[in-house]
Amino acid sequence: MKRAIAVEEVVHEWFEQQLIEAVMSAQALRNKGKWSLQELESLWSEEALTATVLPRWHIDQSIKRNLGVRLGSLKVA
């Protein structure tokens, strides 16, 4: 059960990180006067944030690496 909780925590952490970066990057565009609030709201829509996490290769690699450190090898000898 502890492994399942660890997996859930790590997956949540990495996807949350991706979403935070997207929101912060959009906020930086607003602060620089490049995007209007209306344009930013479209970036923060449910569809846009879902699209943010669609490319998962790097997230998957990070999750595997993090779980390997936390749980060790799961291979049977």
N, C-alpha and C. Protein backbone atom coordinates (compact mmCIF):
# COMPACT_ATOMS: atom_id res chain seq x y z
N MET A 1 0.83 -1.20 0.00
CA MET A 1 0.00 0.00 0.00
C MET A 1 0.87 1.26 0.00
N LYS A 2 1.99 1.20 0.72
CA LYS A 2 2.88 2.36 0.76
C LYS A 2 3.39 2.72 -0.63
N ARG A 3 3.65 1.70 -1.45
CA ARG A 3 4.14 1.95 -2.81
C ARG A 3 3.07 2.67 -3.63
N ALA A 4 1.82 2.26 -3.48
CA ALA A 4 0.74 2.90 -4.23
C ALA A 4 0.61 4.36 -3.85
N ILE A 5 0.76 4.66 -2.57
CA ILE A 5 0.69 6.04 -2.11
C ILE A 5 1.87 6.83 -2.65
N ALA A 6 3.06 6.23 -2.65
CA ALA A 6 4.24 6.90 -3.18
C ALA A 6 4.07 7.20 -4.66
N VAL A 7 3.55 6.25 -5.40
CA VAL A 7 3.32 6.45 -6.84
C VAL A 7 2.35 7.60 -7.06
N GLU A 8 1.26 7.60 -6.32
CA GLU A 8 0.26 8.66 -6.46
C GLU A 8 0.86 10.02 -6.13
N GLU A 9 1.64 10.11 -5.07
CA GLU A 9 2.27 11.37 -4.69
C GLU A 9 3.23 11.88 -5.76
N VAL A 10 4.04 11.00 -6.29
CA VAL A 10 5.03 11.40 -7.29
C VAL A 10 4.35 11.84 -8.59
N VAL A 11 3.37 11.09 -9.03
CA VAL A 11 2.65 11.45 -10.25
C VAL A 11 1.96 12.80 -10.08
N HIS A 12 1.30 12.97 -8.96
CA HIS A 12 0.63 14.25 -8.68
C HIS A 12 1.64 15.40 -8.69
N GLU A 13 2.76 15.19 -8.03
CA GLU A 13 3.80 16.23 -7.94
C GLU A 13 4.29 16.67 -9.32
N TRP A 14 4.56 15.73 -10.21
CA TRP A 14 5.10 16.08 -11.52
C TRP A 14 4.06 16.72 -12.43
N PHE A 15 2.84 16.25 -12.40
CA PHE A 15 1.82 16.89 -13.22
C PHE A 15 1.48 18.28 -12.67
N GLU A 16 1.45 18.41 -11.35
CA GLU A 16 1.22 19.71 -10.73
C GLU A 16 2.32 20.70 -11.13
N GLN A 17 3.55 20.24 -11.14
CA GLN A 17 4.68 21.09 -11.54
C GLN A 17 4.49 21.60 -12.96
N GLN A 18 4.07 20.74 -13.86
CA GLN A 18 3.85 21.14 -15.25
C GLN A 18 2.77 22.22 -15.35
N LEU A 19 1.69 22.05 -14.59
CA LEU A 19 0.60 23.02 -14.62
C LEU A 19 1.02 24.34 -13.99
N ILE A 20 1.76 24.29 -12.91
CA ILE A 20 2.24 25.51 -12.26
C ILE A 20 3.13 26.30 -13.21
N GLU A 21 4.02 25.61 -13.89
CA GLU A 21 4.90 26.29 -14.84
C GLU A 21 4.11 26.96 -15.96
N ALA A 22 3.07 26.31 -16.45
CA ALA A 22 2.25 26.89 -17.51
C ALA A 22 1.56 28.16 -17.02
N VAL A 23 1.00 28.12 -15.83
CA VAL A 23 0.30 29.29 -15.29
C VAL A 23 1.29 30.43 -15.02
N MET A 24 2.44 30.10 -14.46
CA MET A 24 3.42 31.14 -14.17
C MET A 24 3.99 31.76 -15.44
N SER A 25 4.19 30.96 -16.46
CA SER A 25 4.67 31.48 -17.74
C SER A 25 3.64 32.43 -18.36
N ALA A 26 2.38 32.05 -18.26
CA ALA A 26 1.32 32.91 -18.78
C ALA A 26 1.27 34.23 -18.00
N GLN A 27 1.44 34.14 -16.69
CA GLN A 27 1.44 35.35 -15.86
C GLN A 27 2.61 36.26 -16.25
N ALA A 28 3.75 35.68 -16.57
CA ALA A 28 4.90 36.48 -17.00
C ALA A 28 4.59 37.22 -18.30
N LEU A 29 3.86 36.59 -19.21
CA LEU A 29 3.46 37.27 -20.44
C LEU A 29 2.58 38.47 -20.14
N ARG A 30 1.69 38.31 -19.17
CA ARG A 30 0.81 39.42 -18.79
C ARG A 30 1.63 40.55 -18.17
N ASN A 31 2.55 40.20 -17.28
CA ASN A 31 3.35 41.21 -16.60
C ASN A 31 4.20 42.01 -17.58
N LYS A 32 4.60 41.40 -18.67
CA LYS A 32 5.41 42.09 -19.68
C LYS A 32 4.54 42.86 -20.67
N GLY A 33 3.22 42.81 -20.48
CA GLY A 33 2.31 43.53 -21.35
C GLY A 33 2.12 42.89 -22.71
N LYS A 34 2.51 41.64 -22.85
CA LYS A 34 2.42 40.96 -24.14
C LYS A 34 1.04 40.37 -24.40
N TRP A 35 0.34 39.99 -23.34
CA TRP A 35 -0.95 39.34 -23.48
C TRP A 35 -1.98 40.05 -22.61
N SER A 36 -3.20 40.11 -23.11
CA SER A 36 -4.29 40.70 -22.33
C SER A 36 -4.83 39.67 -21.34
N LEU A 37 -5.62 40.14 -20.40
CA LEU A 37 -6.24 39.23 -19.43
C LEU A 37 -7.15 38.23 -20.15
N GLN A 38 -7.85 38.68 -21.16
CA GLN A 38 -8.73 37.78 -21.91
C GLN A 38 -7.92 36.67 -22.59
N GLU A 39 -6.78 37.02 -23.17
CA GLU A 39 -5.93 36.01 -23.80
C GLU A 39 -5.40 35.02 -22.75
N LEU A 40 -5.03 35.55 -21.59
CA LEU A 40 -4.53 34.68 -20.53
C LEU A 40 -5.60 33.74 -20.02
N GLU A 41 -6.82 34.21 -19.92
CA GLU A 41 -7.91 33.35 -19.46
C GLU A 41 -8.10 32.16 -20.39
N SER A 42 -7.84 32.37 -21.68
CA SER A 42 -7.94 31.23 -22.60
C SER A 42 -6.81 30.24 -22.35
N LEU A 43 -5.63 30.74 -21.92
CA LEU A 43 -4.53 29.84 -21.57
C LEU A 43 -4.81 29.07 -20.29
N TRP A 44 -5.63 29.63 -19.42
CA TRP A 44 -5.93 28.99 -18.14
C TRP A 44 -7.21 28.16 -18.20
N SER A 45 -7.77 28.00 -19.39
CA SER A 45 -9.00 27.21 -19.51
C SER A 45 -8.70 25.74 -19.23
N GLU A 46 -9.74 24.99 -18.93
CA GLU A 46 -9.59 23.57 -18.65
C GLU A 46 -8.95 22.85 -19.84
N GLU A 47 -9.39 23.22 -21.05
CA GLU A 47 -8.86 22.58 -22.25
C GLU A 47 -7.38 22.89 -22.44
N ALA A 48 -7.00 24.14 -22.23
CA ALA A 48 -5.60 24.53 -22.42
C ALA A 48 -4.69 23.88 -21.39
N LEU A 49 -5.15 23.82 -20.14
CA LEU A 49 -4.32 23.18 -19.11
C LEU A 49 -4.24 21.67 -19.31
N THR A 50 -5.29 21.08 -19.84
CA THR A 50 -5.23 19.66 -20.19
C THR A 50 -4.20 19.45 -21.29
N ALA A 51 -4.21 20.32 -22.29
CA ALA A 51 -3.24 20.22 -23.38
C ALA A 51 -1.80 20.40 -22.87
N THR A 52 -1.64 21.15 -21.81
CA THR A 52 -0.32 21.38 -21.24
C THR A 52 0.34 20.09 -20.78
N VAL A 53 -0.44 19.16 -20.27
CA VAL A 53 0.13 17.91 -19.76
C VAL A 53 0.01 16.74 -20.74
N LEU A 54 -0.44 16.99 -21.97
CA LEU A 54 -0.54 15.91 -22.94
C LEU A 54 0.82 15.34 -23.34
N PRO A 55 1.83 16.18 -23.60
CA PRO A 55 3.14 15.60 -23.91
C PRO A 55 3.77 15.06 -22.62
N ARG A 56 3.76 13.75 -22.46
CA ARG A 56 4.12 13.18 -21.16
C ARG A 56 5.48 12.49 -21.12
N TRP A 57 6.22 12.42 -22.20
CA TRP A 57 7.46 11.65 -22.19
C TRP A 57 8.40 12.12 -21.08
N HIS A 58 8.65 13.42 -20.99
CA HIS A 58 9.57 13.93 -19.97
C HIS A 58 9.01 13.74 -18.56
N ILE A 59 7.72 13.92 -18.42
CA ILE A 59 7.10 13.70 -17.11
C ILE A 59 7.23 12.22 -16.73
N ASP A 60 6.95 11.33 -17.68
CA ASP A 60 7.07 9.90 -17.39
C ASP A 60 8.49 9.53 -16.98
N GLN A 61 9.48 10.07 -17.66
CA GLN A 61 10.87 9.78 -17.31
C GLN A 61 11.21 10.29 -15.91
N SER A 62 10.73 11.48 -15.59
CA SER A 62 10.98 12.05 -14.27
C SER A 62 10.29 11.23 -13.17
N ILE A 63 9.08 10.79 -13.45
CA ILE A 63 8.35 9.97 -12.49
C ILE A 63 9.09 8.66 -12.25
N LYS A 64 9.53 8.00 -13.32
CA LYS A 64 10.26 6.74 -13.18
C LYS A 64 11.53 6.93 -12.37
N ARG A 65 12.27 8.00 -12.67
CA ARG A 65 13.51 8.27 -11.95
C ARG A 65 13.22 8.53 -10.46
N ASN A 66 12.22 9.34 -10.18
CA ASN A 66 11.88 9.67 -8.80
C ASN A 66 11.41 8.43 -8.04
N LEU A 67 10.59 7.62 -8.66
CA LEU A 67 10.11 6.40 -8.01
C LEU A 67 11.26 5.41 -7.78
N GLY A 68 12.19 5.36 -8.72
CA GLY A 68 13.35 4.50 -8.54
C GLY A 68 14.14 4.88 -7.32
N VAL A 69 14.27 6.18 -7.09
CA VAL A 69 14.99 6.65 -5.90
C VAL A 69 14.19 6.34 -4.64
N ARG A 70 12.89 6.59 -4.68
CA ARG A 70 12.06 6.40 -3.48
C ARG A 70 11.80 4.94 -3.14
N LEU A 71 11.61 4.12 -4.17
CA LEU A 71 11.20 2.74 -3.92
C LEU A 71 12.29 1.71 -4.20
N GLY A 72 13.32 2.10 -4.91
CA GLY A 72 14.34 1.14 -5.29
C GLY A 72 13.85 0.31 -6.45
N SER A 73 14.63 -0.64 -6.85
CA SER A 73 14.30 -1.50 -7.97
C SER A 73 13.16 -2.44 -7.58
N LEU A 74 12.21 -2.61 -8.50
CA LEU A 74 11.10 -3.53 -8.27
C LEU A 74 11.31 -4.85 -9.01
N LYS A 75 12.48 -5.01 -9.64
CA LYS A 75 12.76 -6.24 -10.38
C LYS A 75 12.95 -7.40 -9.41
N VAL A 76 12.44 -8.56 -9.82
CA VAL A 76 12.60 -9.77 -9.04
C VAL A 76 13.91 -10.42 -9.46
N ALA A 77 14.73 -10.77 -8.47
CA ALA A 77 16.04 -11.38 -8.79
C ALA A 77 15.89 -12.77 -9.32
